[in-house]
Amino acid sequence: MDTPVVDAAAVLAQWEAEAAAHRARLLPPGVARPDQVEGLSGLQFFQAIFDGHLPPPPIGETMDFLPIEMSPGRAVFQGTPLLRHYNPLGTVHGGWIATLLDSCVGCAVHTTLAASKAYTTAELKINYVRAVTQRVPVLRAIGSVIHVGGRMATAEGRLVGPDGKLYAHASTTCFIFDAS
């Protein structure tokens, strides 16, 4: 599949502006208390994070990524590949890429869940298409739900640069259960 022709500089500027706007609204990283999330659907939970009422999870700070968009069946995260994410081969470690993709596909599923439901990743498959280095200024992981049933859900994700290039893609199966 050919990479679409895009104005990478304009896309990069837009992505950086969106990320700055989101960072400005986010609380310091933390973990919400059970009483803070009780009665919230998955989508309401993410909206509370975006509105600055609940803290974003600490993994985003650790791994240098943040949520950008949550809508029904869709989740977008933006990450900045840095030297501290490198493996011994001089590229970004596949685990960083996997974490970013796991976040977007899992949260895409989470956006569809009722207040009384939770999920966990049962399977994650990643296809690495090209190496990631610091020469790629930012990446977006875009997750979309394929199917949500009573006990299982599937989603797919794509990791792309501002130039439209695909760096990796993933699929997940999530186990859905009653929250308690």
N, C-alpha and C. Protein backbone atom coordinates (compact mmCIF):
# COMPACT_ATOMS: atom_id res chain seq x y z
N MET A 1 0.84 -1.17 0.00
CA MET A 1 0.00 0.00 0.00
C MET A 1 0.88 1.23 0.00
N ASP A 2 0.59 2.18 -0.87
CA ASP A 2 1.38 3.40 -0.96
C ASP A 2 1.05 4.33 0.20
N THR A 3 2.06 5.06 0.63
CA THR A 3 1.88 6.06 1.66
C THR A 3 1.27 7.30 1.02
N PRO A 4 0.17 7.83 1.58
CA PRO A 4 -0.44 9.02 0.98
C PRO A 4 0.51 10.22 1.08
N VAL A 5 0.42 11.11 0.11
CA VAL A 5 1.24 12.31 0.10
C VAL A 5 0.59 13.31 1.06
N VAL A 6 1.36 13.73 2.06
CA VAL A 6 0.86 14.68 3.04
C VAL A 6 1.92 15.74 3.30
N ASP A 7 1.50 16.86 3.83
CA ASP A 7 2.42 17.91 4.26
C ASP A 7 2.84 17.57 5.68
N ALA A 8 3.94 16.82 5.81
CA ALA A 8 4.38 16.31 7.11
C ALA A 8 4.63 17.44 8.10
N ALA A 9 5.17 18.55 7.66
CA ALA A 9 5.44 19.67 8.57
C ALA A 9 4.15 20.24 9.13
N ALA A 10 3.14 20.36 8.29
CA ALA A 10 1.85 20.88 8.77
C ALA A 10 1.18 19.90 9.72
N VAL A 11 1.24 18.61 9.41
CA VAL A 11 0.66 17.59 10.29
C VAL A 11 1.40 17.59 11.63
N LEU A 12 2.73 17.64 11.59
CA LEU A 12 3.53 17.68 12.82
C LEU A 12 3.14 18.88 13.68
N ALA A 13 3.01 20.04 13.07
CA ALA A 13 2.63 21.24 13.83
C ALA A 13 1.24 21.06 14.46
N GLN A 14 0.32 20.49 13.71
CA GLN A 14 -1.03 20.26 14.24
C GLN A 14 -0.98 19.27 15.40
N TRP A 15 -0.25 18.17 15.23
CA TRP A 15 -0.14 17.17 16.29
C TRP A 15 0.48 17.75 17.55
N GLU A 16 1.55 18.54 17.39
CA GLU A 16 2.20 19.13 18.55
C GLU A 16 1.27 20.11 19.26
N ALA A 17 0.49 20.88 18.51
CA ALA A 17 -0.46 21.82 19.11
C ALA A 17 -1.55 21.06 19.86
N GLU A 18 -2.07 19.99 19.28
CA GLU A 18 -3.09 19.19 19.95
C GLU A 18 -2.55 18.58 21.23
N ALA A 19 -1.32 18.06 21.18
CA ALA A 19 -0.72 17.45 22.37
C ALA A 19 -0.52 18.49 23.46
N ALA A 20 -0.07 19.69 23.10
CA ALA A 20 0.13 20.75 24.10
C ALA A 20 -1.20 21.13 24.75
N ALA A 21 -2.26 21.21 23.95
CA ALA A 21 -3.57 21.55 24.50
C ALA A 21 -4.05 20.47 25.46
N HIS A 22 -3.82 19.21 25.13
CA HIS A 22 -4.23 18.12 26.02
C HIS A 22 -3.41 18.12 27.30
N ARG A 23 -2.09 18.29 27.18
CA ARG A 23 -1.23 18.32 28.36
C ARG A 23 -1.65 19.41 29.33
N ALA A 24 -2.05 20.55 28.80
CA ALA A 24 -2.43 21.69 29.64
C ALA A 24 -3.65 21.38 30.51
N ARG A 25 -4.52 20.48 30.05
CA ARG A 25 -5.74 20.15 30.79
C ARG A 25 -5.57 18.97 31.74
N LEU A 26 -4.52 18.17 31.54
CA LEU A 26 -4.37 16.95 32.32
C LEU A 26 -3.85 17.23 33.73
N LEU A 27 -4.34 16.47 34.66
CA LEU A 27 -3.81 16.48 36.02
C LEU A 27 -2.45 15.77 36.03
N PRO A 28 -1.69 15.88 37.11
CA PRO A 28 -0.48 15.07 37.23
C PRO A 28 -0.87 13.58 37.18
N PRO A 29 0.01 12.73 36.66
CA PRO A 29 -0.30 11.30 36.56
C PRO A 29 -0.62 10.69 37.91
N GLY A 30 -1.49 9.70 37.90
CA GLY A 30 -1.88 9.01 39.12
C GLY A 30 -2.86 7.91 38.78
N VAL A 31 -3.48 7.40 39.81
CA VAL A 31 -4.49 6.35 39.64
C VAL A 31 -5.76 6.81 40.34
N ALA A 32 -6.86 6.79 39.61
CA ALA A 32 -8.13 7.21 40.19
C ALA A 32 -8.59 6.22 41.25
N ARG A 33 -9.20 6.73 42.28
CA ARG A 33 -9.77 5.88 43.33
C ARG A 33 -11.03 5.21 42.81
N PRO A 34 -11.37 4.04 43.34
CA PRO A 34 -12.61 3.35 42.90
C PRO A 34 -13.86 4.21 43.01
N ASP A 35 -13.97 5.01 44.08
CA ASP A 35 -15.16 5.85 44.24
C ASP A 35 -15.24 6.96 43.19
N GLN A 36 -14.10 7.32 42.59
CA GLN A 36 -14.09 8.35 41.55
C GLN A 36 -14.58 7.82 40.21
N VAL A 37 -14.44 6.53 39.98
CA VAL A 37 -14.81 5.95 38.68
C VAL A 37 -16.10 5.15 38.73
N GLU A 38 -16.61 4.91 39.94
CA GLU A 38 -17.85 4.15 40.08
C GLU A 38 -18.98 4.82 39.31
N GLY A 39 -19.65 4.04 38.49
CA GLY A 39 -20.78 4.55 37.72
C GLY A 39 -20.42 5.19 36.40
N LEU A 40 -19.11 5.28 36.09
CA LEU A 40 -18.69 5.87 34.81
C LEU A 40 -18.54 4.79 33.75
N SER A 41 -19.07 5.05 32.57
CA SER A 41 -18.80 4.16 31.43
C SER A 41 -17.34 4.36 31.02
N GLY A 42 -16.86 3.52 30.15
CA GLY A 42 -15.49 3.68 29.66
C GLY A 42 -15.27 5.04 29.03
N LEU A 43 -16.20 5.47 28.20
CA LEU A 43 -16.06 6.76 27.53
C LEU A 43 -16.13 7.91 28.54
N GLN A 44 -17.00 7.81 29.54
CA GLN A 44 -17.10 8.84 30.58
C GLN A 44 -15.81 8.91 31.40
N PHE A 45 -15.19 7.77 31.63
CA PHE A 45 -13.92 7.71 32.36
C PHE A 45 -12.86 8.53 31.62
N PHE A 46 -12.74 8.30 30.30
CA PHE A 46 -11.74 9.05 29.53
C PHE A 46 -12.08 10.53 29.44
N GLN A 47 -13.36 10.84 29.35
CA GLN A 47 -13.75 12.25 29.31
C GLN A 47 -13.37 12.94 30.62
N ALA A 48 -13.49 12.24 31.74
CA ALA A 48 -13.09 12.81 33.03
C ALA A 48 -11.58 13.06 33.08
N ILE A 49 -10.80 12.20 32.43
CA ILE A 49 -9.35 12.45 32.34
C ILE A 49 -9.10 13.69 31.49
N PHE A 50 -9.73 13.75 30.31
CA PHE A 50 -9.54 14.89 29.41
C PHE A 50 -10.02 16.21 30.04
N ASP A 51 -11.05 16.14 30.88
CA ASP A 51 -11.58 17.35 31.52
C ASP A 51 -10.78 17.76 32.76
N GLY A 52 -9.77 16.97 33.14
CA GLY A 52 -8.95 17.30 34.29
C GLY A 52 -9.59 16.93 35.62
N HIS A 53 -10.56 16.02 35.60
CA HIS A 53 -11.20 15.57 36.84
C HIS A 53 -10.56 14.31 37.41
N LEU A 54 -9.94 13.51 36.54
CA LEU A 54 -9.24 12.30 36.96
C LEU A 54 -7.82 12.35 36.41
N PRO A 55 -6.87 11.74 37.12
CA PRO A 55 -5.50 11.76 36.64
C PRO A 55 -5.29 10.77 35.49
N PRO A 56 -4.41 11.12 34.55
CA PRO A 56 -4.03 10.13 33.53
C PRO A 56 -3.11 9.10 34.17
N PRO A 57 -3.06 7.89 33.63
CA PRO A 57 -2.21 6.86 34.23
C PRO A 57 -0.72 7.21 34.11
N PRO A 58 0.09 6.81 35.09
CA PRO A 58 1.52 7.14 35.11
C PRO A 58 2.30 6.56 33.93
N ILE A 59 1.81 5.51 33.28
CA ILE A 59 2.55 4.90 32.17
C ILE A 59 2.83 5.91 31.06
N GLY A 60 1.92 6.86 30.86
CA GLY A 60 2.13 7.86 29.82
C GLY A 60 3.36 8.72 30.07
N GLU A 61 3.57 9.09 31.33
CA GLU A 61 4.75 9.87 31.68
C GLU A 61 6.01 9.02 31.56
N THR A 62 5.92 7.79 32.02
CA THR A 62 7.07 6.88 31.95
C THR A 62 7.51 6.63 30.51
N MET A 63 6.53 6.45 29.63
CA MET A 63 6.82 6.07 28.24
C MET A 63 6.72 7.23 27.25
N ASP A 64 6.48 8.45 27.74
CA ASP A 64 6.42 9.64 26.89
C ASP A 64 5.33 9.57 25.82
N PHE A 65 4.11 9.22 26.27
CA PHE A 65 2.97 9.31 25.38
C PHE A 65 1.75 9.78 26.15
N LEU A 66 0.74 10.26 25.43
CA LEU A 66 -0.46 10.76 26.08
C LEU A 66 -1.68 10.50 25.20
N PRO A 67 -2.85 10.43 25.84
CA PRO A 67 -4.07 10.25 25.07
C PRO A 67 -4.40 11.55 24.34
N ILE A 68 -4.87 11.41 23.11
CA ILE A 68 -5.22 12.56 22.29
C ILE A 68 -6.72 12.60 22.02
N GLU A 69 -7.30 11.44 21.76
CA GLU A 69 -8.71 11.38 21.40
C GLU A 69 -9.32 10.09 21.90
N MET A 70 -10.53 10.17 22.42
CA MET A 70 -11.33 9.00 22.78
C MET A 70 -12.74 9.27 22.28
N SER A 71 -13.25 8.35 21.49
CA SER A 71 -14.63 8.41 21.02
C SER A 71 -15.12 6.97 20.96
N PRO A 72 -16.41 6.75 20.80
CA PRO A 72 -16.90 5.37 20.83
C PRO A 72 -16.18 4.46 19.83
N GLY A 73 -15.47 3.47 20.37
CA GLY A 73 -14.76 2.51 19.53
C GLY A 73 -13.46 3.00 18.94
N ARG A 74 -12.96 4.14 19.39
CA ARG A 74 -11.73 4.71 18.84
C ARG A 74 -10.89 5.34 19.95
N ALA A 75 -9.57 5.13 19.87
CA ALA A 75 -8.64 5.75 20.82
C ALA A 75 -7.37 6.14 20.08
N VAL A 76 -6.88 7.34 20.34
CA VAL A 76 -5.66 7.84 19.70
C VAL A 76 -4.70 8.29 20.79
N PHE A 77 -3.46 7.81 20.70
CA PHE A 77 -2.38 8.22 21.59
C PHE A 77 -1.26 8.79 20.75
N GLN A 78 -0.52 9.72 21.33
CA GLN A 78 0.65 10.29 20.66
C GLN A 78 1.87 10.05 21.52
N GLY A 79 2.93 9.57 20.89
CA GLY A 79 4.17 9.29 21.61
C GLY A 79 5.37 9.93 20.96
N THR A 80 6.34 10.25 21.79
CA THR A 80 7.59 10.84 21.31
C THR A 80 8.72 9.84 21.51
N PRO A 81 9.27 9.29 20.42
CA PRO A 81 10.39 8.36 20.56
C PRO A 81 11.67 9.11 20.98
N LEU A 82 12.25 8.68 22.07
CA LEU A 82 13.43 9.33 22.63
C LEU A 82 14.58 8.33 22.77
N LEU A 83 15.76 8.85 22.98
CA LEU A 83 16.94 8.01 23.15
C LEU A 83 16.75 7.01 24.28
N ARG A 84 16.08 7.40 25.35
CA ARG A 84 15.89 6.48 26.48
C ARG A 84 15.01 5.28 26.13
N HIS A 85 14.37 5.30 24.97
CA HIS A 85 13.55 4.17 24.51
C HIS A 85 14.33 3.24 23.59
N TYR A 86 15.59 3.53 23.35
CA TYR A 86 16.40 2.75 22.40
C TYR A 86 16.79 1.38 22.95
N ASN A 87 16.93 0.45 22.03
CA ASN A 87 17.46 -0.87 22.33
C ASN A 87 18.95 -0.89 21.97
N PRO A 88 19.66 -2.00 22.18
CA PRO A 88 21.09 -2.05 21.86
C PRO A 88 21.41 -1.90 20.37
N LEU A 89 20.42 -2.06 19.50
CA LEU A 89 20.63 -1.95 18.06
C LEU A 89 20.56 -0.52 17.55
N GLY A 90 20.23 0.43 18.43
CA GLY A 90 20.18 1.83 18.03
C GLY A 90 18.85 2.26 17.44
N THR A 91 17.79 1.55 17.78
CA THR A 91 16.44 1.94 17.37
C THR A 91 15.53 1.88 18.60
N VAL A 92 14.33 2.43 18.46
CA VAL A 92 13.38 2.39 19.57
C VAL A 92 12.99 0.94 19.83
N HIS A 93 13.00 0.57 21.09
CA HIS A 93 12.68 -0.80 21.51
C HIS A 93 11.26 -1.17 21.10
N GLY A 94 11.09 -2.39 20.64
CA GLY A 94 9.77 -2.87 20.25
C GLY A 94 8.77 -2.84 21.38
N GLY A 95 9.23 -2.91 22.61
CA GLY A 95 8.33 -2.85 23.75
C GLY A 95 7.66 -1.50 23.90
N TRP A 96 8.38 -0.44 23.53
CA TRP A 96 7.78 0.90 23.55
C TRP A 96 6.65 0.97 22.53
N ILE A 97 6.93 0.47 21.35
CA ILE A 97 5.93 0.45 20.27
C ILE A 97 4.74 -0.40 20.69
N ALA A 98 5.01 -1.57 21.27
CA ALA A 98 3.93 -2.47 21.70
C ALA A 98 3.08 -1.82 22.78
N THR A 99 3.70 -1.10 23.70
CA THR A 99 2.95 -0.44 24.77
C THR A 99 2.04 0.64 24.21
N LEU A 100 2.54 1.41 23.27
CA LEU A 100 1.72 2.44 22.64
C LEU A 100 0.54 1.82 21.89
N LEU A 101 0.80 0.76 21.13
CA LEU A 101 -0.28 0.10 20.40
C LEU A 101 -1.26 -0.61 21.34
N ASP A 102 -0.74 -1.26 22.39
CA ASP A 102 -1.62 -1.92 23.35
C ASP A 102 -2.55 -0.90 24.00
N SER A 103 -2.03 0.29 24.27
CA SER A 103 -2.85 1.34 24.87
C SER A 103 -3.97 1.77 23.93
N CYS A 104 -3.66 1.98 22.66
CA CYS A 104 -4.71 2.48 21.76
C CYS A 104 -5.77 1.42 21.47
N VAL A 105 -5.38 0.16 21.30
CA VAL A 105 -6.39 -0.87 21.00
C VAL A 105 -7.20 -1.22 22.23
N GLY A 106 -6.54 -1.30 23.39
CA GLY A 106 -7.26 -1.60 24.63
C GLY A 106 -8.22 -0.48 25.01
N CYS A 107 -7.76 0.76 24.88
CA CYS A 107 -8.64 1.88 25.23
C CYS A 107 -9.77 2.05 24.22
N ALA A 108 -9.55 1.68 22.98
CA ALA A 108 -10.65 1.69 22.00
C ALA A 108 -11.76 0.76 22.48
N VAL A 109 -11.38 -0.41 22.98
CA VAL A 109 -12.37 -1.33 23.54
C VAL A 109 -13.00 -0.71 24.79
N HIS A 110 -12.18 -0.13 25.66
CA HIS A 110 -12.66 0.45 26.91
C HIS A 110 -13.73 1.51 26.65
N THR A 111 -13.60 2.28 25.57
CA THR A 111 -14.59 3.34 25.28
C THR A 111 -15.98 2.79 25.04
N THR A 112 -16.10 1.51 24.74
CA THR A 112 -17.41 0.90 24.43
C THR A 112 -18.06 0.26 25.64
N LEU A 113 -17.37 0.19 26.76
CA LEU A 113 -17.86 -0.57 27.91
C LEU A 113 -18.80 0.23 28.80
N ALA A 114 -19.78 -0.47 29.33
CA ALA A 114 -20.71 0.11 30.29
C ALA A 114 -20.00 0.30 31.63
N ALA A 115 -20.62 1.07 32.50
CA ALA A 115 -20.03 1.37 33.81
C ALA A 115 -19.72 0.13 34.62
N SER A 116 -20.45 -0.91 34.46
CA SER A 116 -20.26 -2.11 35.28
C SER A 116 -19.27 -3.10 34.69
N LYS A 117 -18.59 -2.73 33.60
CA LYS A 117 -17.70 -3.65 32.90
C LYS A 117 -16.25 -3.19 32.94
N ALA A 118 -15.35 -4.16 32.85
CA ALA A 118 -13.92 -3.91 32.76
C ALA A 118 -13.34 -4.86 31.71
N TYR A 119 -12.08 -4.70 31.41
CA TYR A 119 -11.45 -5.56 30.40
C TYR A 119 -9.98 -5.80 30.75
N THR A 120 -9.43 -6.80 30.13
CA THR A 120 -8.00 -7.02 30.17
C THR A 120 -7.57 -7.57 28.82
N THR A 121 -6.34 -7.30 28.43
CA THR A 121 -5.83 -7.81 27.17
C THR A 121 -5.60 -9.31 27.30
N ALA A 122 -6.21 -10.07 26.41
CA ALA A 122 -6.00 -11.51 26.36
C ALA A 122 -4.93 -11.87 25.34
N GLU A 123 -4.86 -11.07 24.27
CA GLU A 123 -3.87 -11.33 23.22
C GLU A 123 -3.52 -10.01 22.54
N LEU A 124 -2.26 -9.86 22.20
CA LEU A 124 -1.79 -8.69 21.46
C LEU A 124 -0.81 -9.17 20.40
N LYS A 125 -1.07 -8.83 19.16
CA LYS A 125 -0.17 -9.19 18.06
C LYS A 125 0.31 -7.90 17.41
N ILE A 126 1.62 -7.80 17.25
CA ILE A 126 2.23 -6.62 16.64
C ILE A 126 2.98 -7.03 15.38
N ASN A 127 2.83 -6.23 14.34
CA ASN A 127 3.65 -6.35 13.14
C ASN A 127 4.47 -5.07 13.04
N TYR A 128 5.79 -5.21 13.11
CA TYR A 128 6.69 -4.07 12.98
C TYR A 128 7.03 -3.91 11.51
N VAL A 129 6.73 -2.74 10.96
CA VAL A 129 6.88 -2.51 9.53
C VAL A 129 8.21 -1.82 9.20
N ARG A 130 8.59 -0.87 10.03
CA ARG A 130 9.87 -0.18 9.83
C ARG A 130 10.40 0.29 11.17
N ALA A 131 11.69 0.51 11.22
CA ALA A 131 12.34 0.92 12.47
C ALA A 131 11.92 2.33 12.86
N VAL A 132 11.87 2.56 14.17
CA VAL A 132 11.59 3.88 14.73
C VAL A 132 12.86 4.38 15.39
N THR A 133 13.22 5.62 15.08
CA THR A 133 14.36 6.29 15.72
C THR A 133 13.92 7.69 16.12
N GLN A 134 14.83 8.43 16.72
CA GLN A 134 14.55 9.81 17.11
C GLN A 134 14.33 10.71 15.90
N ARG A 135 14.68 10.25 14.72
CA ARG A 135 14.43 11.05 13.52
C ARG A 135 12.93 11.20 13.25
N VAL A 136 12.13 10.31 13.85
CA VAL A 136 10.68 10.43 13.76
C VAL A 136 10.26 11.28 14.97
N PRO A 137 9.78 12.50 14.73
CA PRO A 137 9.54 13.40 15.86
C PRO A 137 8.42 12.95 16.79
N VAL A 138 7.33 12.45 16.25
CA VAL A 138 6.21 11.94 17.04
C VAL A 138 5.53 10.84 16.25
N LEU A 139 4.81 10.01 16.97
CA LEU A 139 4.02 8.95 16.34
C LEU A 139 2.63 8.96 16.94
N ARG A 140 1.67 8.56 16.15
CA ARG A 140 0.31 8.39 16.65
C ARG A 140 -0.10 6.93 16.53
N ALA A 141 -0.67 6.42 17.61
CA ALA A 141 -1.24 5.08 17.63
C ALA A 141 -2.75 5.25 17.60
N ILE A 142 -3.37 4.72 16.56
CA ILE A 142 -4.79 4.91 16.32
C ILE A 142 -5.47 3.54 16.41
N GLY A 143 -6.31 3.38 17.42
CA GLY A 143 -6.99 2.12 17.65
C GLY A 143 -8.46 2.20 17.30
N SER A 144 -8.98 1.12 16.69
CA SER A 144 -10.39 1.04 16.31
C SER A 144 -10.94 -0.32 16.68
N VAL A 145 -12.12 -0.32 17.26
CA VAL A 145 -12.79 -1.57 17.61
C VAL A 145 -13.27 -2.27 16.36
N ILE A 146 -13.09 -3.58 16.34
CA ILE A 146 -13.64 -4.41 15.28
C ILE A 146 -14.95 -5.03 15.73
N HIS A 147 -14.96 -5.57 16.96
CA HIS A 147 -16.15 -6.25 17.49
C HIS A 147 -16.13 -6.22 19.01
N VAL A 148 -17.30 -5.97 19.60
CA VAL A 148 -17.45 -6.08 21.05
C VAL A 148 -18.63 -7.00 21.32
N GLY A 149 -18.36 -8.08 22.04
CA GLY A 149 -19.42 -9.00 22.44
C GLY A 149 -19.60 -8.96 23.94
N GLY A 150 -20.28 -9.96 24.47
CA GLY A 150 -20.54 -10.01 25.90
C GLY A 150 -19.30 -10.32 26.72
N ARG A 151 -18.39 -11.13 26.18
CA ARG A 151 -17.20 -11.55 26.92
C ARG A 151 -15.88 -11.23 26.22
N MET A 152 -15.91 -11.04 24.91
CA MET A 152 -14.67 -10.79 24.16
C MET A 152 -14.86 -9.60 23.24
N ALA A 153 -13.77 -8.89 23.01
CA ALA A 153 -13.76 -7.78 22.06
C ALA A 153 -12.47 -7.85 21.26
N THR A 154 -12.52 -7.35 20.02
CA THR A 154 -11.32 -7.28 19.20
C THR A 154 -11.17 -5.85 18.68
N ALA A 155 -9.92 -5.46 18.47
CA ALA A 155 -9.62 -4.13 17.94
C ALA A 155 -8.32 -4.20 17.16
N GLU A 156 -8.12 -3.20 16.33
CA GLU A 156 -6.88 -3.10 15.56
C GLU A 156 -6.30 -1.71 15.72
N GLY A 157 -4.99 -1.60 15.54
CA GLY A 157 -4.33 -0.31 15.68
C GLY A 157 -3.23 -0.13 14.67
N ARG A 158 -2.95 1.14 14.38
CA ARG A 158 -1.89 1.50 13.44
C ARG A 158 -1.01 2.57 14.08
N LEU A 159 0.29 2.43 13.94
CA LEU A 159 1.24 3.42 14.43
C LEU A 159 1.79 4.17 13.22
N VAL A 160 1.50 5.47 13.15
CA VAL A 160 1.87 6.26 11.97
C VAL A 160 2.62 7.51 12.38
N GLY A 161 3.45 7.99 11.46
CA GLY A 161 4.16 9.24 11.64
C GLY A 161 3.41 10.38 10.99
N PRO A 162 3.86 11.62 11.22
CA PRO A 162 3.18 12.77 10.64
C PRO A 162 3.25 12.80 9.12
N ASP A 163 4.17 12.04 8.55
CA ASP A 163 4.27 11.95 7.09
C ASP A 163 3.35 10.89 6.51
N GLY A 164 2.59 10.23 7.38
CA GLY A 164 1.65 9.20 6.93
C GLY A 164 2.24 7.81 6.85
N LYS A 165 3.55 7.67 7.11
CA LYS A 165 4.18 6.35 7.04
C LYS A 165 3.70 5.46 8.17
N LEU A 166 3.48 4.20 7.85
CA LEU A 166 3.10 3.18 8.82
C LEU A 166 4.37 2.58 9.42
N TYR A 167 4.45 2.54 10.75
CA TYR A 167 5.61 1.97 11.43
C TYR A 167 5.31 0.61 12.03
N ALA A 168 4.10 0.39 12.45
CA ALA A 168 3.69 -0.90 13.01
C ALA A 168 2.17 -0.95 13.02
N HIS A 169 1.64 -2.16 13.12
CA HIS A 169 0.19 -2.31 13.30
C HIS A 169 -0.05 -3.48 14.23
N ALA A 170 -1.23 -3.48 14.85
CA ALA A 170 -1.50 -4.46 15.89
C ALA A 170 -2.96 -4.91 15.84
N SER A 171 -3.19 -6.04 16.47
CA SER A 171 -4.56 -6.49 16.73
C SER A 171 -4.59 -7.03 18.15
N THR A 172 -5.75 -6.93 18.77
CA THR A 172 -5.90 -7.41 20.14
C THR A 172 -7.21 -8.15 20.30
N THR A 173 -7.20 -9.04 21.26
CA THR A 173 -8.42 -9.64 21.78
C THR A 173 -8.45 -9.29 23.26
N CYS A 174 -9.56 -8.76 23.71
CA CYS A 174 -9.72 -8.38 25.12
C CYS A 174 -10.82 -9.22 25.75
N PHE A 175 -10.59 -9.61 26.98
CA PHE A 175 -11.57 -10.34 27.77
C PHE A 175 -12.37 -9.30 28.56
N ILE A 176 -13.69 -9.34 28.46
CA ILE A 176 -14.58 -8.41 29.16
C ILE A 176 -15.17 -9.12 30.36
N PHE A 177 -15.20 -8.43 31.50
CA PHE A 177 -15.73 -9.03 32.72
C PHE A 177 -16.45 -7.99 33.55
N ASP A 178 -17.18 -8.45 34.55
CA ASP A 178 -17.88 -7.54 35.46
C ASP A 178 -16.87 -6.87 36.39
N ALA A 179 -16.95 -5.56 36.49
CA ALA A 179 -16.08 -4.82 37.39
C ALA A 179 -16.59 -5.00 38.82
N SER A 180 -15.68 -5.13 39.74
CA SER A 180 -16.09 -5.24 41.15
C SER A 180 -15.00 -4.79 42.07
